[in-house]
Amino acid sequence: MTESPLIFNTLPLNVLIVNVIGAFILGVFIVLSQQWNLDGRYSLFAAVGFCGSLTTMSSFALDSSNLLENNHYGTLAANIIANIGLSIGALIGGKSLMSAIISN
């Protein structure tokens, strides 16, 4: 069986999508919690409880480990960069979007 040259054939997109969505939600919530002066317990619940449960760090680690064991180094690099980079971008995007909505 020949390996496809397309990196996205083996990239675990389901984990990537969930991590990016969770980071976006966290970014939105950070701005809302500051705007509404929420008690720290509620912020902790949303950040660690909800977003931490939604995102899948353990699945990301497992998928990355499997890619490494199967010598899919390009896909491994893309997986790491995409999960971390896009999640940070989504968090910043969520914060920016909510800040823009609130300031109008």
PDB file of N, CA and C in Angstrom:
ATOM      1  N   MET A   1       0.849  -1.179   0.000  1.00  0.00           N
ATOM      2  CA  MET A   1       0.000   0.000   0.000  1.00  0.00           C
ATOM      3  C   MET A   1       0.885   1.229   0.000  1.00  0.00           C
ATOM      4  N   THR A   2       0.636   2.151  -0.908  1.00  0.00           N
ATOM      5  CA  THR A   2       1.440   3.365  -0.971  1.00  0.00           C
ATOM      6  C   THR A   2       0.838   4.429  -0.078  1.00  0.00           C
ATOM      7  N   GLU A   3       1.708   5.250   0.462  1.00  0.00           N
ATOM      8  CA  GLU A   3       1.274   6.309   1.362  1.00  0.00           C
ATOM      9  C   GLU A   3       0.913   7.544   0.557  1.00  0.00           C
ATOM     10  N   SER A   4      -0.176   8.168   0.872  1.00  0.00           N
ATOM     11  CA  SER A   4      -0.620   9.361   0.181  1.00  0.00           C
ATOM     12  C   SER A   4       0.292  10.531   0.523  1.00  0.00           C
ATOM     13  N   PRO A   5       0.611  11.364  -0.455  1.00  0.00           N
ATOM     14  CA  PRO A   5       1.442  12.528  -0.163  1.00  0.00           C
ATOM     15  C   PRO A   5       0.678  13.626   0.569  1.00  0.00           C
ATOM     16  N   LEU A   6      -0.633  13.499   0.644  1.00  0.00           N
ATOM     17  CA  LEU A   6      -1.432  14.521   1.328  1.00  0.00           C
ATOM     18  C   LEU A   6      -1.328  14.350   2.831  1.00  0.00           C
ATOM     19  N   ILE A   7      -0.865  15.369   3.502  1.00  0.00           N
ATOM     20  CA  ILE A   7      -0.663  15.307   4.946  1.00  0.00           C
ATOM     21  C   ILE A   7      -1.997  15.218   5.689  1.00  0.00           C
ATOM     22  N   PHE A   8      -3.067  15.765   5.117  1.00  0.00           N
ATOM     23  CA  PHE A   8      -4.343  15.791   5.815  1.00  0.00           C
ATOM     24  C   PHE A   8      -5.077  14.451   5.755  1.00  0.00           C
ATOM     25  N   ASN A   9      -4.564  13.491   4.990  1.00  0.00           N
ATOM     26  CA  ASN A   9      -5.162  12.161   4.992  1.00  0.00           C
ATOM     27  C   ASN A   9      -5.010  11.482   6.346  1.00  0.00           C
ATOM     28  N   THR A  10      -3.916  11.764   7.049  1.00  0.00           N
ATOM     29  CA  THR A  10      -3.671  11.101   8.327  1.00  0.00           C
ATOM     30  C   THR A  10      -3.735  12.053   9.508  1.00  0.00           C
ATOM     31  N   LEU A  11      -3.900  13.345   9.259  1.00  0.00           N
ATOM     32  CA  LEU A  11      -3.979  14.319  10.350  1.00  0.00           C
ATOM     33  C   LEU A  11      -5.287  14.123  11.103  1.00  0.00           C
ATOM     34  N   PRO A  12      -5.222  13.932  12.431  1.00  0.00           N
ATOM     35  CA  PRO A  12      -6.446  13.725  13.225  1.00  0.00           C
ATOM     36  C   PRO A  12      -7.256  15.023  13.352  1.00  0.00           C
ATOM     37  N   LEU A  13      -8.075  15.293  12.350  1.00  0.00           N
ATOM     38  CA  LEU A  13      -8.816  16.556  12.287  1.00  0.00           C
ATOM     39  C   LEU A  13      -9.876  16.683  13.373  1.00  0.00           C
ATOM     40  N   ASN A  14     -10.476  15.576  13.804  1.00  0.00           N
ATOM     41  CA  ASN A  14     -11.530  15.666  14.819  1.00  0.00           C
ATOM     42  C   ASN A  14     -10.982  16.264  16.119  1.00  0.00           C
ATOM     43  N   VAL A  15      -9.791  15.850  16.523  1.00  0.00           N
ATOM     44  CA  VAL A  15      -9.176  16.381  17.741  1.00  0.00           C
ATOM     45  C   VAL A  15      -8.811  17.845  17.537  1.00  0.00           C
ATOM     46  N   LEU A  16      -8.267  18.168  16.377  1.00  0.00           N
ATOM     47  CA  LEU A  16      -7.899  19.550  16.057  1.00  0.00           C
ATOM     48  C   LEU A  16      -9.120  20.462  16.132  1.00  0.00           C
ATOM     49  N   ILE A  17     -10.206  20.056  15.541  1.00  0.00           N
ATOM     50  CA  ILE A  17     -11.424  20.880  15.527  1.00  0.00           C
ATOM     51  C   ILE A  17     -11.939  21.116  16.942  1.00  0.00           C
ATOM     52  N   VAL A  18     -11.985  20.075  17.750  1.00  0.00           N
ATOM     53  CA  VAL A  18     -12.472  20.220  19.124  1.00  0.00           C
ATOM     54  C   VAL A  18     -11.555  21.143  19.936  1.00  0.00           C
ATOM     55  N   ASN A  19     -10.249  21.009  19.765  1.00  0.00           N
ATOM     56  CA  ASN A  19      -9.319  21.865  20.499  1.00  0.00           C
ATOM     57  C   ASN A  19      -9.455  23.325  20.095  1.00  0.00           C
ATOM     58  N   VAL A  20      -9.628  23.584  18.813  1.00  0.00           N
ATOM     59  CA  VAL A  20      -9.779  24.963  18.334  1.00  0.00           C
ATOM     60  C   VAL A  20     -11.097  25.559  18.828  1.00  0.00           C
ATOM     61  N   ILE A  21     -12.171  24.792  18.775  1.00  0.00           N
ATOM     62  CA  ILE A  21     -13.467  25.284  19.279  1.00  0.00           C
ATOM     63  C   ILE A  21     -13.385  25.577  20.774  1.00  0.00           C
ATOM     64  N   GLY A  22     -12.779  24.682  21.538  1.00  0.00           N
ATOM     65  CA  GLY A  22     -12.634  24.906  22.979  1.00  0.00           C
ATOM     66  C   GLY A  22     -11.824  26.152  23.289  1.00  0.00           C
ATOM     67  N   ALA A  23     -10.759  26.385  22.538  1.00  0.00           N
ATOM     68  CA  ALA A  23      -9.941  27.581  22.747  1.00  0.00           C
ATOM     69  C   ALA A  23     -10.726  28.845  22.405  1.00  0.00           C
ATOM     70  N   PHE A  24     -11.517  28.800  21.344  1.00  0.00           N
ATOM     71  CA  PHE A  24     -12.347  29.947  20.967  1.00  0.00           C
ATOM     72  C   PHE A  24     -13.365  30.267  22.071  1.00  0.00           C
ATOM     73  N   ILE A  25     -14.035  29.238  22.563  1.00  0.00           N
ATOM     74  CA  ILE A  25     -15.012  29.427  23.645  1.00  0.00           C
ATOM     75  C   ILE A  25     -14.331  30.013  24.874  1.00  0.00           C
ATOM     76  N   LEU A  26     -13.145  29.540  25.197  1.00  0.00           N
ATOM     77  CA  LEU A  26     -12.409  30.066  26.341  1.00  0.00           C
ATOM     78  C   LEU A  26     -12.073  31.533  26.133  1.00  0.00           C
ATOM     79  N   GLY A  27     -11.664  31.909  24.932  1.00  0.00           N
ATOM     80  CA  GLY A  27     -11.372  33.310  24.638  1.00  0.00           C
ATOM     81  C   GLY A  27     -12.590  34.196  24.824  1.00  0.00           C
ATOM     82  N   VAL A  28     -13.741  33.739  24.349  1.00  0.00           N
ATOM     83  CA  VAL A  28     -14.993  34.482  24.535  1.00  0.00           C
ATOM     84  C   VAL A  28     -15.306  34.614  26.022  1.00  0.00           C
ATOM     85  N   PHE A  29     -15.177  33.527  26.747  1.00  0.00           N
ATOM     86  CA  PHE A  29     -15.524  33.543  28.165  1.00  0.00           C
ATOM     87  C   PHE A  29     -14.600  34.445  28.981  1.00  0.00           C
ATOM     88  N   ILE A  30     -13.329  34.494  28.629  1.00  0.00           N
ATOM     89  CA  ILE A  30     -12.393  35.356  29.353  1.00  0.00           C
ATOM     90  C   ILE A  30     -12.855  36.800  29.308  1.00  0.00           C
ATOM     91  N   VAL A  31     -13.242  37.259  28.127  1.00  0.00           N
ATOM     92  CA  VAL A  31     -13.709  38.641  27.992  1.00  0.00           C
ATOM     93  C   VAL A  31     -15.019  38.836  28.743  1.00  0.00           C
ATOM     94  N   LEU A  32     -15.935  37.890  28.636  1.00  0.00           N
ATOM     95  CA  LEU A  32     -17.213  38.011  29.346  1.00  0.00           C
ATOM     96  C   LEU A  32     -17.019  38.024  30.859  1.00  0.00           C
ATOM     97  N   SER A  33     -16.141  37.178  31.360  1.00  0.00           N
ATOM     98  CA  SER A  33     -15.937  37.131  32.809  1.00  0.00           C
ATOM     99  C   SER A  33     -15.324  38.430  33.326  1.00  0.00           C
ATOM    100  N   GLN A  34     -14.465  39.061  32.528  1.00  0.00           N
ATOM    101  CA  GLN A  34     -13.903  40.351  32.926  1.00  0.00           C
ATOM    102  C   GLN A  34     -14.963  41.438  32.844  1.00  0.00           C
ATOM    103  N   GLN A  35     -15.754  41.420  31.797  1.00  0.00           N
ATOM    104  CA  GLN A  35     -16.803  42.423  31.603  1.00  0.00           C
ATOM    105  C   GLN A  35     -17.857  42.346  32.697  1.00  0.00           C
ATOM    106  N   TRP A  36     -18.226  41.140  33.077  1.00  0.00           N
ATOM    107  CA  TRP A  36     -19.282  40.936  34.067  1.00  0.00           C
ATOM    108  C   TRP A  36     -18.751  40.824  35.490  1.00  0.00           C
ATOM    109  N   ASN A  37     -17.440  40.972  35.670  1.00  0.00           N
ATOM    110  CA  ASN A  37     -16.806  40.850  36.996  1.00  0.00           C
ATOM    111  C   ASN A  37     -17.247  39.570  37.712  1.00  0.00           C
ATOM    112  N   LEU A  38     -17.157  38.465  37.024  1.00  0.00           N
ATOM    113  CA  LEU A  38     -17.582  37.189  37.600  1.00  0.00           C
ATOM    114  C   LEU A  38     -16.628  36.742  38.704  1.00  0.00           C
ATOM    115  N   ASP A  39     -17.189  36.061  39.658  1.00  0.00           N
ATOM    116  CA  ASP A  39     -16.409  35.449  40.731  1.00  0.00           C
ATOM    117  C   ASP A  39     -15.406  34.477  40.122  1.00  0.00           C
ATOM    118  N   GLY A  40     -14.233  34.389  40.693  1.00  0.00           N
ATOM    119  CA  GLY A  40     -13.179  33.520  40.202  1.00  0.00           C
ATOM    120  C   GLY A  40     -13.582  32.064  40.111  1.00  0.00           C
ATOM    121  N   ARG A  41     -14.507  31.635  40.970  1.00  0.00           N
ATOM    122  CA  ARG A  41     -14.963  30.243  40.916  1.00  0.00           C
ATOM    123  C   ARG A  41     -15.662  29.931  39.603  1.00  0.00           C
ATOM    124  N   TYR A  42     -16.432  30.896  39.098  1.00  0.00           N
ATOM    125  CA  TYR A  42     -17.129  30.678  37.832  1.00  0.00           C
ATOM    126  C   TYR A  42     -16.140  30.670  36.667  1.00  0.00           C
ATOM    127  N   SER A  43     -15.156  31.524  36.745  1.00  0.00           N
ATOM    128  CA  SER A  43     -14.127  31.532  35.706  1.00  0.00           C
ATOM    129  C   SER A  43     -13.374  30.219  35.702  1.00  0.00           C
ATOM    130  N   LEU A  44     -13.038  29.731  36.886  1.00  0.00           N
ATOM    131  CA  LEU A  44     -12.331  28.454  36.995  1.00  0.00           C
ATOM    132  C   LEU A  44     -13.196  27.311  36.465  1.00  0.00           C
ATOM    133  N   PHE A  45     -14.486  27.340  36.782  1.00  0.00           N
ATOM    134  CA  PHE A  45     -15.399  26.312  36.294  1.00  0.00           C
ATOM    135  C   PHE A  45     -15.440  26.299  34.768  1.00  0.00           C
ATOM    136  N   ALA A  46     -15.574  27.469  34.169  1.00  0.00           N
ATOM    137  CA  ALA A  46     -15.668  27.532  32.707  1.00  0.00           C
ATOM    138  C   ALA A  46     -14.351  27.172  32.046  1.00  0.00           C
ATOM    139  N   ALA A  47     -13.256  27.711  32.568  1.00  0.00           N
ATOM    140  CA  ALA A  47     -11.955  27.497  31.936  1.00  0.00           C
ATOM    141  C   ALA A  47     -11.477  26.063  32.116  1.00  0.00           C
ATOM    142  N   VAL A  48     -11.447  25.597  33.343  1.00  0.00           N
ATOM    143  CA  VAL A  48     -10.913  24.268  33.620  1.00  0.00           C
ATOM    144  C   VAL A  48     -11.989  23.205  33.451  1.00  0.00           C
ATOM    145  N   GLY A  49     -13.171  23.471  33.958  1.00  0.00           N
ATOM    146  CA  GLY A  49     -14.245  22.482  33.906  1.00  0.00           C
ATOM    147  C   GLY A  49     -14.778  22.263  32.507  1.00  0.00           C
ATOM    148  N   PHE A  50     -15.401  23.281  31.940  1.00  0.00           N
ATOM    149  CA  PHE A  50     -16.047  23.106  30.645  1.00  0.00           C
ATOM    150  C   PHE A  50     -15.036  23.008  29.509  1.00  0.00           C
ATOM    151  N   CYS A  51     -14.200  24.023  29.344  1.00  0.00           N
ATOM    152  CA  CYS A  51     -13.254  24.027  28.220  1.00  0.00           C
ATOM    153  C   CYS A  51     -12.206  22.927  28.366  1.00  0.00           C
ATOM    154  N   GLY A  52     -11.801  22.652  29.597  1.00  0.00           N
ATOM    155  CA  GLY A  52     -10.844  21.572  29.818  1.00  0.00           C
ATOM    156  C   GLY A  52     -11.429  20.210  29.486  1.00  0.00           C
ATOM    157  N   SER A  53     -12.719  20.050  29.762  1.00  0.00           N
ATOM    158  CA  SER A  53     -13.383  18.789  29.430  1.00  0.00           C
ATOM    159  C   SER A  53     -13.656  18.670  27.937  1.00  0.00           C
ATOM    160  N   LEU A  54     -13.960  19.794  27.317  1.00  0.00           N
ATOM    161  CA  LEU A  54     -14.266  19.793  25.889  1.00  0.00           C
ATOM    162  C   LEU A  54     -13.032  19.499  25.058  1.00  0.00           C
ATOM    163  N   THR A  55     -11.931  20.142  25.383  1.00  0.00           N
ATOM    164  CA  THR A  55     -10.717  19.945  24.595  1.00  0.00           C
ATOM    165  C   THR A  55     -10.084  18.603  24.930  1.00  0.00           C
ATOM    166  N   THR A  56      -9.202  18.166  24.088  1.00  0.00           N
ATOM    167  CA  THR A  56      -8.733  16.792  24.191  1.00  0.00           C
ATOM    168  C   THR A  56      -7.210  16.697  24.151  1.00  0.00           C
ATOM    169  N   MET A  57      -6.569  17.179  25.183  1.00  0.00           N
ATOM    170  CA  MET A  57      -5.110  17.130  25.235  1.00  0.00           C
ATOM    171  C   MET A  57      -4.603  15.696  25.229  1.00  0.00           C
ATOM    172  N   SER A  58      -5.257  14.816  25.944  1.00  0.00           N
ATOM    173  CA  SER A  58      -4.801  13.422  25.985  1.00  0.00           C
ATOM    174  C   SER A  58      -4.941  12.763  24.617  1.00  0.00           C
ATOM    175  N   SER A  59      -6.009  13.057  23.895  1.00  0.00           N
ATOM    176  CA  SER A  59      -6.173  12.509  22.545  1.00  0.00           C
ATOM    177  C   SER A  59      -5.136  13.090  21.596  1.00  0.00           C
ATOM    178  N   PHE A  60      -4.859  14.370  21.747  1.00  0.00           N
ATOM    179  CA  PHE A  60      -3.818  15.021  20.948  1.00  0.00           C
ATOM    180  C   PHE A  60      -2.468  14.343  21.194  1.00  0.00           C
ATOM    181  N   ALA A  61      -2.155  14.069  22.455  1.00  0.00           N
ATOM    182  CA  ALA A  61      -0.891  13.410  22.800  1.00  0.00           C
ATOM    183  C   ALA A  61      -0.844  11.994  22.226  1.00  0.00           C
ATOM    184  N   LEU A  62      -1.945  11.265  22.337  1.00  0.00           N
ATOM    185  CA  LEU A  62      -1.997   9.896  21.807  1.00  0.00           C
ATOM    186  C   LEU A  62      -1.856   9.889  20.292  1.00  0.00           C
ATOM    187  N   ASP A  63      -2.597  10.758  19.626  1.00  0.00           N
ATOM    188  CA  ASP A  63      -2.509  10.830  18.166  1.00  0.00           C
ATOM    189  C   ASP A  63      -1.088  11.189  17.731  1.00  0.00           C
ATOM    190  N   SER A  64      -0.485  12.134  18.424  1.00  0.00           N
ATOM    191  CA  SER A  64       0.888  12.538  18.090  1.00  0.00           C
ATOM    192  C   SER A  64       1.864  11.390  18.315  1.00  0.00           C
ATOM    193  N   SER A  65       1.688  10.668  19.400  1.00  0.00           N
ATOM    194  CA  SER A  65       2.536   9.520  19.690  1.00  0.00           C
ATOM    195  C   SER A  65       2.393   8.443  18.617  1.00  0.00           C
ATOM    196  N   ASN A  66       1.170   8.193  18.187  1.00  0.00           N
ATOM    197  CA  ASN A  66       0.936   7.196  17.130  1.00  0.00           C
ATOM    198  C   ASN A  66       1.580   7.620  15.819  1.00  0.00           C
ATOM    199  N   LEU A  67       1.493   8.904  15.498  1.00  0.00           N
ATOM    200  CA  LEU A  67       2.133   9.398  14.288  1.00  0.00           C
ATOM    201  C   LEU A  67       3.653   9.223  14.360  1.00  0.00           C
ATOM    202  N   LEU A  68       4.215   9.493  15.528  1.00  0.00           N
ATOM    203  CA  LEU A  68       5.654   9.323  15.732  1.00  0.00           C
ATOM    204  C   LEU A  68       6.060   7.861  15.584  1.00  0.00           C
ATOM    205  N   GLU A  69       5.314   6.971  16.224  1.00  0.00           N
ATOM    206  CA  GLU A  69       5.621   5.541  16.152  1.00  0.00           C
ATOM    207  C   GLU A  69       5.518   4.990  14.736  1.00  0.00           C
ATOM    208  N   ASN A  70       4.654   5.583  13.925  1.00  0.00           N
ATOM    209  CA  ASN A  70       4.468   5.130  12.543  1.00  0.00           C
ATOM    210  C   ASN A  70       5.314   5.921  11.544  1.00  0.00           C
ATOM    211  N   ASN A  71       6.257   6.701  12.073  1.00  0.00           N
ATOM    212  CA  ASN A  71       7.207   7.464  11.246  1.00  0.00           C
ATOM    213  C   ASN A  71       6.532   8.467  10.308  1.00  0.00           C
ATOM    214  N   HIS A  72       5.422   9.030  10.727  1.00  0.00           N
ATOM    215  CA  HIS A  72       4.731  10.068   9.960  1.00  0.00           C
ATOM    216  C   HIS A  72       5.186  11.435  10.495  1.00  0.00           C
ATOM    217  N   TYR A  73       6.457  11.743  10.269  1.00  0.00           N
ATOM    218  CA  TYR A  73       7.057  12.924  10.878  1.00  0.00           C
ATOM    219  C   TYR A  73       6.453  14.234  10.364  1.00  0.00           C
ATOM    220  N   GLY A  74       6.166  14.294   9.080  1.00  0.00           N
ATOM    221  CA  GLY A  74       5.544  15.499   8.527  1.00  0.00           C
ATOM    222  C   GLY A  74       4.163  15.739   9.110  1.00  0.00           C
ATOM    223  N   THR A  75       3.391  14.672   9.201  1.00  0.00           N
ATOM    224  CA  THR A  75       2.047  14.785   9.768  1.00  0.00           C
ATOM    225  C   THR A  75       2.123  15.098  11.255  1.00  0.00           C
ATOM    226  N   LEU A  76       3.091  14.515  11.947  1.00  0.00           N
ATOM    227  CA  LEU A  76       3.300  14.819  13.362  1.00  0.00           C
ATOM    228  C   LEU A  76       3.587  16.300  13.551  1.00  0.00           C
ATOM    229  N   ALA A  77       4.498  16.837  12.754  1.00  0.00           N
ATOM    230  CA  ALA A  77       4.824  18.267  12.853  1.00  0.00           C
ATOM    231  C   ALA A  77       3.600  19.121  12.552  1.00  0.00           C
ATOM    232  N   ALA A  78       2.861  18.758  11.493  1.00  0.00           N
ATOM    233  CA  ALA A  78       1.649  19.508  11.141  1.00  0.00           C
ATOM    234  C   ALA A  78       0.617  19.426  12.257  1.00  0.00           C
ATOM    235  N   ASN A  79       0.474  18.254  12.874  1.00  0.00           N
ATOM    236  CA  ASN A  79      -0.483  18.067  13.968  1.00  0.00           C
ATOM    237  C   ASN A  79      -0.141  18.955  15.160  1.00  0.00           C
ATOM    238  N   ILE A  80       1.123  18.976  15.537  1.00  0.00           N
ATOM    239  CA  ILE A  80       1.552  19.790  16.680  1.00  0.00           C
ATOM    240  C   ILE A  80       1.379  21.272  16.380  1.00  0.00           C
ATOM    241  N   ILE A  81       1.868  21.690  15.232  1.00  0.00           N
ATOM    242  CA  ILE A  81       1.771  23.117  14.862  1.00  0.00           C
ATOM    243  C   ILE A  81       0.312  23.538  14.728  1.00  0.00           C
ATOM    244  N   ALA A  82      -0.507  22.709  14.086  1.00  0.00           N
ATOM    245  CA  ALA A  82      -1.915  23.060  13.887  1.00  0.00           C
ATOM    246  C   ALA A  82      -2.665  23.135  15.214  1.00  0.00           C
ATOM    247  N   ASN A  83      -2.498  22.139  16.075  1.00  0.00           N
ATOM    248  CA  ASN A  83      -3.221  22.140  17.348  1.00  0.00           C
ATOM    249  C   ASN A  83      -2.824  23.326  18.220  1.00  0.00           C
ATOM    250  N   ILE A  84      -1.539  23.567  18.343  1.00  0.00           N
ATOM    251  CA  ILE A  84      -1.085  24.653  19.200  1.00  0.00           C
ATOM    252  C   ILE A  84      -1.338  26.009  18.545  1.00  0.00           C
ATOM    253  N   GLY A  85      -0.916  26.152  17.300  1.00  0.00           N
ATOM    254  CA  GLY A  85      -1.066  27.436  16.621  1.00  0.00           C
ATOM    255  C   GLY A  85      -2.508  27.861  16.419  1.00  0.00           C
ATOM    256  N   LEU A  86      -3.324  26.943  15.909  1.00  0.00           N
ATOM    257  CA  LEU A  86      -4.725  27.287  15.668  1.00  0.00           C
ATOM    258  C   LEU A  86      -5.502  27.483  16.962  1.00  0.00           C
ATOM    259  N   SER A  87      -5.143  26.745  18.016  1.00  0.00           N
ATOM    260  CA  SER A  87      -5.818  26.942  19.303  1.00  0.00           C
ATOM    261  C   SER A  87      -5.491  28.315  19.881  1.00  0.00           C
ATOM    262  N   ILE A  88      -4.230  28.712  19.804  1.00  0.00           N
ATOM    263  CA  ILE A  88      -3.859  30.051  20.279  1.00  0.00           C
ATOM    264  C   ILE A  88      -4.552  31.112  19.428  1.00  0.00           C
ATOM    265  N   GLY A  89      -4.567  30.902  18.117  1.00  0.00           N
ATOM    266  CA  GLY A  89      -5.267  31.841  17.237  1.00  0.00           C
ATOM    267  C   GLY A  89      -6.748  31.919  17.535  1.00  0.00           C
ATOM    268  N   ALA A  90      -7.363  30.773  17.818  1.00  0.00           N
ATOM    269  CA  ALA A  90      -8.794  30.754  18.132  1.00  0.00           C
ATOM    270  C   ALA A  90      -9.078  31.461  19.449  1.00  0.00           C
ATOM    271  N   LEU A  91      -8.209  31.279  20.441  1.00  0.00           N
ATOM    272  CA  LEU A  91      -8.388  31.964  21.719  1.00  0.00           C
ATOM    273  C   LEU A  91      -8.299  33.479  21.522  1.00  0.00           C
ATOM    274  N   ILE A  92      -7.300  33.919  20.783  1.00  0.00           N
ATOM    275  CA  ILE A  92      -7.149  35.351  20.496  1.00  0.00           C
ATOM    276  C   ILE A  92      -8.338  35.847  19.677  1.00  0.00           C
ATOM    277  N   GLY A  93      -8.783  35.044  18.711  1.00  0.00           N
ATOM    278  CA  GLY A  93      -9.947  35.421  17.911  1.00  0.00           C
ATOM    279  C   GLY A  93     -11.208  35.531  18.741  1.00  0.00           C
ATOM    280  N   GLY A  94     -11.418  34.602  19.672  1.00  0.00           N
ATOM    281  CA  GLY A  94     -12.584  34.667  20.551  1.00  0.00           C
ATOM    282  C   GLY A  94     -12.558  35.898  21.432  1.00  0.00           C
ATOM    283  N   LYS A  95     -11.379  36.198  21.976  1.00  0.00           N
ATOM    284  CA  LYS A  95     -11.245  37.403  22.800  1.00  0.00           C
ATOM    285  C   LYS A  95     -11.493  38.664  21.969  1.00  0.00           C
ATOM    286  N   SER A  96     -10.929  38.714  20.776  1.00  0.00           N
ATOM    287  CA  SER A  96     -11.079  39.877  19.913  1.00  0.00           C
ATOM    288  C   SER A  96     -12.535  40.072  19.479  1.00  0.00           C
ATOM    289  N   LEU A  97     -13.174  38.979  19.094  1.00  0.00           N
ATOM    290  CA  LEU A  97     -14.568  39.067  18.658  1.00  0.00           C
ATOM    291  C   LEU A  97     -15.466  39.548  19.794  1.00  0.00           C
ATOM    292  N   MET A  98     -15.303  38.975  20.980  1.00  0.00           N
ATOM    293  CA  MET A  98     -16.156  39.365  22.102  1.00  0.00           C
ATOM    294  C   MET A  98     -15.865  40.801  22.532  1.00  0.00           C
ATOM    295  N   SER A  99     -14.607  41.198  22.494  1.00  0.00           N
ATOM    296  CA  SER A  99     -14.257  42.594  22.834  1.00  0.00           C
ATOM    297  C   SER A  99     -14.899  43.560  21.848  1.00  0.00           C
ATOM    298  N   ALA A 100     -14.890  43.198  20.558  1.00  0.00           N
ATOM    299  CA  ALA A 100     -15.517  44.058  19.542  1.00  0.00           C
ATOM    300  C   ALA A 100     -17.019  44.120  19.745  1.00  0.00           C
ATOM    301  N   ILE A 101     -17.642  43.000  20.078  1.00  0.00           N
ATOM    302  CA  ILE A 101     -19.089  42.982  20.292  1.00  0.00           C
ATOM    303  C   ILE A 101     -19.456  43.829  21.508  1.00  0.00           C
ATOM    304  N   ILE A 102     -18.699  43.701  22.566  1.00  0.00           N
ATOM    305  CA  ILE A 102     -18.994  44.420  23.805  1.00  0.00           C
ATOM    306  C   ILE A 102     -18.767  45.920  23.641  1.00  0.00           C
ATOM    307  N   SER A 103     -17.753  46.304  22.877  1.00  0.00           N
ATOM    308  CA  SER A 103     -17.435  47.728  22.750  1.00  0.00           C
ATOM    309  C   SER A 103     -18.416  48.470  21.861  1.00  0.00           C
ATOM    310  N   ASN A 104     -19.238  47.763  21.099  1.00  0.00           N
ATOM    311  CA  ASN A 104     -20.228  48.427  20.234  1.00  0.00           C
ATOM    312  C   ASN A 104     -21.483  48.724  20.948  1.00  0.00           C
TER     313      ASN A 104
END
